Every structure is written in structure tokens, then in C-alpha cells.
């Protein structure tokens, strides 16, 4: 496995009173109910896809993240299924796995309607493996947002979805969660014996 860990650009973030920090997009609140920064989401998803598009064609490409990075990975998953970004530009790569840790799903409100109108999008959604995990004591992105994310993806047609709960865990990861991610990736990407 080759891990590429890009750092988000520095931008003002509304939830932090406009304070500039590394962020994939602007966020007024860390949930599916907040306003979506479509321009920022598309720009960051394109930036990440451009990184991944330079990989050889025989490489199984996946994307994952934590918190806002998870939101970005899940937005990329929806763009991959739809075959386009929110702005209509084509999504250039085929994802083989998506991991979202302690995150949420931007654009969830109308995702089901977008997927249902295209048989190709529905086919891609059904087959894309997604792992979501969330701690029950997360005080930054509440656990209910993780549950809602899994529900929204499932309702939209993402059937190859695993949602793991970590009792008593806050807005951080633990070794058990990382082991679960590694085991899930190994199984989904056919890496047994590698």
C-alpha cells in the first residue's frame, strides 16, 4: 500500500470565526445539516483526485480521512458514484474503497435523488465499498452525525457499507479502530498474503 497524506490548504473557516486554518472546505457547522461550501468541496475533491490520477492504471485507488477529511472522502465517494462533481465537471478516477472516520456527509440532503436518476450512478454506488466509524463520545462531530451519514448513504443506494461504533471514544482514533481499518482494507482490496 502506498499512502498519500496531503495537507488541506489554509483558508478562513466560519465555524472558527473566520480564523484561517488548514481545511478542505469552509464549514459553518460540522454536520450534514450545515450549509455546504460547494465551491470548496469541488476544488478539494478535484485536488485530491488529481493527486490520485497520476497513479498507474492497475493501482486500486482508495480515499479516506478523519473528521473534515472524512467528509471530503465521502463527498468524493458521491462524486465518484455520480461520475461528476457538484459543479458538473467529470470525476476522473474510479475509487475502489472509501474510509470515513468521525465525519459526516456533505450534500446528503439531495443525494438519493441524484443517484436514482442515473442507472450508472446507482450501479457505482452499490459496488463502492465504504467503511464508516465513529466514537459514541465524540464532542466535535457528534455520533448521531455518523449514524445519519451511514443512513443517508444507505438510503441513496450505497449498499457495500460498513458502520462501526466505538463505545466511549471521543474525536480521535484508537489502535483497535486502526486495526479494523487495516483489516477492512485488506479484505476489500484483496491484499491477503501481500
Protein backbone atom coordinates (compact mmCIF):
# COMPACT_ATOMS: atom_id res chain seq x y z
CA UNK A 1 0.00 0.00 0.00
CA UNK A 2 1.18 3.47 -0.85
CA UNK A 3 -0.22 6.13 1.48
CA UNK A 4 -0.54 9.71 0.21
CA UNK A 5 -1.36 12.12 3.04
CA UNK A 6 -1.99 15.59 1.64
CA UNK A 7 -2.48 18.59 3.89
CA UNK A 8 -5.51 20.76 3.27
CA UNK A 9 -4.87 24.34 2.17
CA UNK A 10 -5.14 27.20 4.67
CA UNK A 11 -8.44 29.06 4.44
CA UNK A 12 -10.77 31.01 6.73
CA UNK A 13 -13.32 28.73 8.43
CA UNK A 14 -16.69 30.12 9.53
CA UNK A 15 -17.12 27.77 12.50
CA UNK A 16 -13.85 29.18 13.88
CA UNK A 17 -14.99 32.79 13.46
CA UNK A 18 -13.23 33.13 10.12
CA UNK A 19 -9.85 32.16 11.59
CA UNK A 20 -7.56 30.77 8.87
CA UNK A 21 -6.53 27.15 9.37
CA UNK A 22 -5.95 24.05 7.26
CA UNK A 23 -9.35 22.97 5.97
CA UNK A 24 -10.64 21.16 2.89
CA UNK A 25 -13.65 23.49 2.67
CA UNK A 26 -15.41 26.16 4.69
CA UNK A 27 -17.74 24.83 7.38
CA UNK A 28 -20.37 26.69 9.34
CA UNK A 29 -21.09 23.57 11.38
CA UNK A 30 -19.68 20.06 11.33
CA UNK A 31 -22.79 18.17 10.25
CA UNK A 32 -24.98 17.23 7.30
CA UNK A 33 -27.40 19.97 8.32
CA UNK A 34 -24.97 22.85 7.81
CA UNK A 35 -24.68 24.88 4.61
CA UNK A 36 -22.41 23.24 2.07
CA UNK A 37 -19.43 25.06 0.56
CA UNK A 38 -19.88 23.54 -2.92
CA UNK A 39 -17.03 25.51 -4.46
CA UNK A 40 -14.61 24.45 -1.71
CA UNK A 41 -15.82 20.83 -1.79
CA UNK A 42 -15.40 20.60 -5.56
CA UNK A 43 -11.99 22.30 -5.52
CA UNK A 44 -10.65 20.00 -2.80
CA UNK A 45 -12.16 16.85 -4.32
CA UNK A 46 -10.55 17.79 -7.66
CA UNK A 47 -7.21 18.47 -5.94
CA UNK A 48 -7.26 15.03 -4.32
CA UNK A 49 -8.46 13.28 -7.49
CA UNK A 50 -5.65 14.96 -9.44
CA UNK A 51 -3.13 13.51 -6.94
CA UNK A 52 -4.61 10.06 -7.43
CA UNK A 53 -5.00 10.27 -11.21
CA UNK A 54 -1.20 10.14 -11.59
CA UNK A 55 -1.12 6.59 -10.19
CA UNK A 56 -0.68 3.72 -12.69
CA UNK A 57 -3.93 2.35 -14.12
CA UNK A 58 -3.52 -1.04 -12.40
CA UNK A 59 -3.43 0.54 -8.91
CA UNK A 60 -6.52 0.11 -6.70
CA UNK A 61 -7.20 3.66 -5.56
CA UNK A 62 -8.98 4.48 -2.32
CA UNK A 63 -9.55 7.62 -0.30
CA UNK A 64 -10.08 8.15 3.40
CA UNK A 65 -9.95 10.73 6.11
CA UNK A 66 -10.72 11.80 9.64
CA UNK A 67 -13.29 14.47 10.62
CA UNK A 68 -13.29 17.06 7.80
CA UNK A 69 -11.05 14.67 5.86
CA UNK A 70 -13.77 12.02 6.25
CA UNK A 71 -16.36 14.49 4.95
CA UNK A 72 -14.07 15.15 1.97
CA UNK A 73 -13.59 11.40 1.34
CA UNK A 74 -17.35 10.82 1.49
CA UNK A 75 -18.07 13.75 -0.80
CA UNK A 76 -15.50 12.24 -3.21
CA UNK A 77 -17.33 8.89 -2.96
CA UNK A 78 -20.57 10.55 -4.03
CA UNK A 79 -18.79 12.38 -6.87
CA UNK A 80 -17.31 9.05 -7.99
CA UNK A 81 -20.74 7.38 -7.96
CA UNK A 82 -22.36 10.28 -9.81
CA UNK A 83 -19.43 10.48 -12.25
CA UNK A 84 -19.19 14.23 -11.69
CA UNK A 85 -18.52 16.89 -9.11
CA UNK A 86 -21.28 19.15 -7.85
CA UNK A 87 -20.31 21.73 -10.48
CA UNK A 88 -20.95 19.19 -13.26
CA UNK A 89 -17.30 18.57 -14.21
CA UNK A 90 -16.46 14.87 -14.69
CA UNK A 91 -14.96 12.98 -11.74
CA UNK A 92 -11.75 11.50 -13.26
CA UNK A 93 -10.97 8.38 -11.21
CA UNK A 94 -12.60 5.15 -10.10
CA UNK A 95 -12.44 4.64 -6.35
CA UNK A 96 -12.12 1.10 -5.01
CA UNK A 97 -12.52 1.89 -1.28
CA UNK A 98 -13.56 4.83 0.91
CA UNK A 99 -12.94 5.26 4.64
CA UNK A 100 -14.58 7.94 6.77
CA UNK A 101 -13.59 8.21 10.44
CA UNK A 102 -15.55 10.53 12.75
CA UNK A 103 -17.02 12.51 9.88
CA UNK A 104 -20.22 13.49 8.12
CA UNK A 105 -21.61 13.59 4.58
CA UNK A 106 -21.81 16.97 2.81
CA UNK A 107 -24.62 17.18 0.28
CA UNK A 108 -26.64 14.37 1.81
CA UNK A 109 -30.00 16.14 1.53
CA UNK A 110 -30.46 15.55 -2.22
CA UNK A 111 -28.02 12.67 -2.78
CA UNK A 112 -30.70 9.98 -3.14
CA UNK A 113 -32.50 11.94 -5.87
CA UNK A 114 -29.23 12.46 -7.78
CA UNK A 115 -28.30 8.76 -7.61
CA UNK A 116 -31.76 7.46 -8.53
CA UNK A 117 -31.93 9.31 -11.86
CA UNK A 118 -28.90 7.51 -13.28
CA UNK A 119 -28.58 3.73 -13.58
CA UNK A 120 -24.79 4.16 -13.93
CA UNK A 121 -24.63 6.19 -10.70
CA UNK A 122 -26.78 3.60 -8.93
CA UNK A 123 -24.51 0.80 -10.17
CA UNK A 124 -21.37 2.60 -8.98
CA UNK A 125 -22.98 3.42 -5.61
CA UNK A 126 -23.98 -0.21 -4.97
CA UNK A 127 -20.49 -1.53 -5.66
CA UNK A 128 -18.32 1.08 -3.86
CA UNK A 129 -17.05 -0.28 -0.51
CA UNK A 130 -17.31 2.32 2.28
CA UNK A 131 -16.17 1.98 5.88
CA UNK A 132 -17.51 4.48 8.41
CA UNK A 133 -16.53 4.58 12.05
CA UNK A 134 -17.46 6.90 14.88
CA UNK A 135 -16.93 7.15 18.63
CA UNK A 136 -20.02 7.40 20.82
CA UNK A 137 -18.48 10.22 22.91
CA UNK A 138 -17.33 12.43 20.02
CA UNK A 139 -17.86 16.03 21.16
CA UNK A 140 -16.70 17.65 17.90
CA UNK A 141 -18.67 15.70 15.28
CA UNK A 142 -21.38 14.03 17.39
CA UNK A 143 -22.03 10.30 17.00
CA UNK A 144 -25.56 11.00 15.70
CA UNK A 145 -23.92 12.66 12.65
CA UNK A 146 -22.02 9.45 11.94
CA UNK A 147 -25.24 7.44 12.22
CA UNK A 148 -27.05 9.91 9.95
CA UNK A 149 -24.21 9.72 7.42
CA UNK A 150 -24.47 5.92 7.25
CA UNK A 151 -28.24 6.14 6.93
CA UNK A 152 -28.08 8.78 4.15
CA UNK A 153 -25.56 6.74 2.15
CA UNK A 154 -27.59 3.56 2.56
CA UNK A 155 -30.85 5.25 1.51
CA UNK A 156 -29.05 6.71 -1.53
CA UNK A 157 -28.06 3.20 -2.67
CA UNK A 158 -24.57 2.68 -1.23
CA UNK A 159 -25.09 -0.95 -0.19
CA UNK A 160 -21.47 -2.04 0.36
CA UNK A 161 -21.36 -0.01 3.59
CA UNK A 162 -19.92 -0.90 6.99
CA UNK A 163 -20.58 1.31 10.03
CA UNK A 164 -18.51 0.61 13.14
CA UNK A 165 -19.25 2.11 16.55
CA UNK A 166 -16.56 2.67 19.19
CA UNK A 167 -18.05 2.92 22.69
CA UNK A 168 -16.64 5.67 24.90
CA UNK A 169 -14.33 7.07 22.20
CA UNK A 170 -14.20 10.82 21.50
CA UNK A 171 -12.95 12.75 18.48
CA UNK A 172 -9.79 10.71 17.99
CA UNK A 173 -8.76 7.28 16.81
CA UNK A 174 -7.58 4.29 18.83
CA UNK A 175 -5.40 1.32 17.84
CA UNK A 176 -8.46 -1.02 17.64
CA UNK A 177 -10.07 1.31 15.09
CA UNK A 178 -6.87 1.46 13.01
CA UNK A 179 -6.62 -2.34 13.12
CA UNK A 180 -10.23 -2.52 11.91
CA UNK A 181 -9.42 -0.11 9.05
CA UNK A 182 -6.39 -2.19 8.02
CA UNK A 183 -8.35 -5.44 8.14
CA UNK A 184 -11.23 -3.90 6.17
CA UNK A 185 -8.86 -2.53 3.50
CA UNK A 186 -7.02 -5.84 3.26
CA UNK A 187 -10.28 -7.68 2.64
CA UNK A 188 -11.84 -5.12 0.26
CA UNK A 189 -8.73 -4.59 -1.84
CA UNK A 190 -7.76 -8.27 -1.98
CA UNK A 191 -4.45 -7.76 -0.18
CA UNK A 192 -4.41 -11.01 1.78
CA UNK A 193 -0.97 -12.57 1.58
CA UNK A 194 0.64 -9.34 0.35
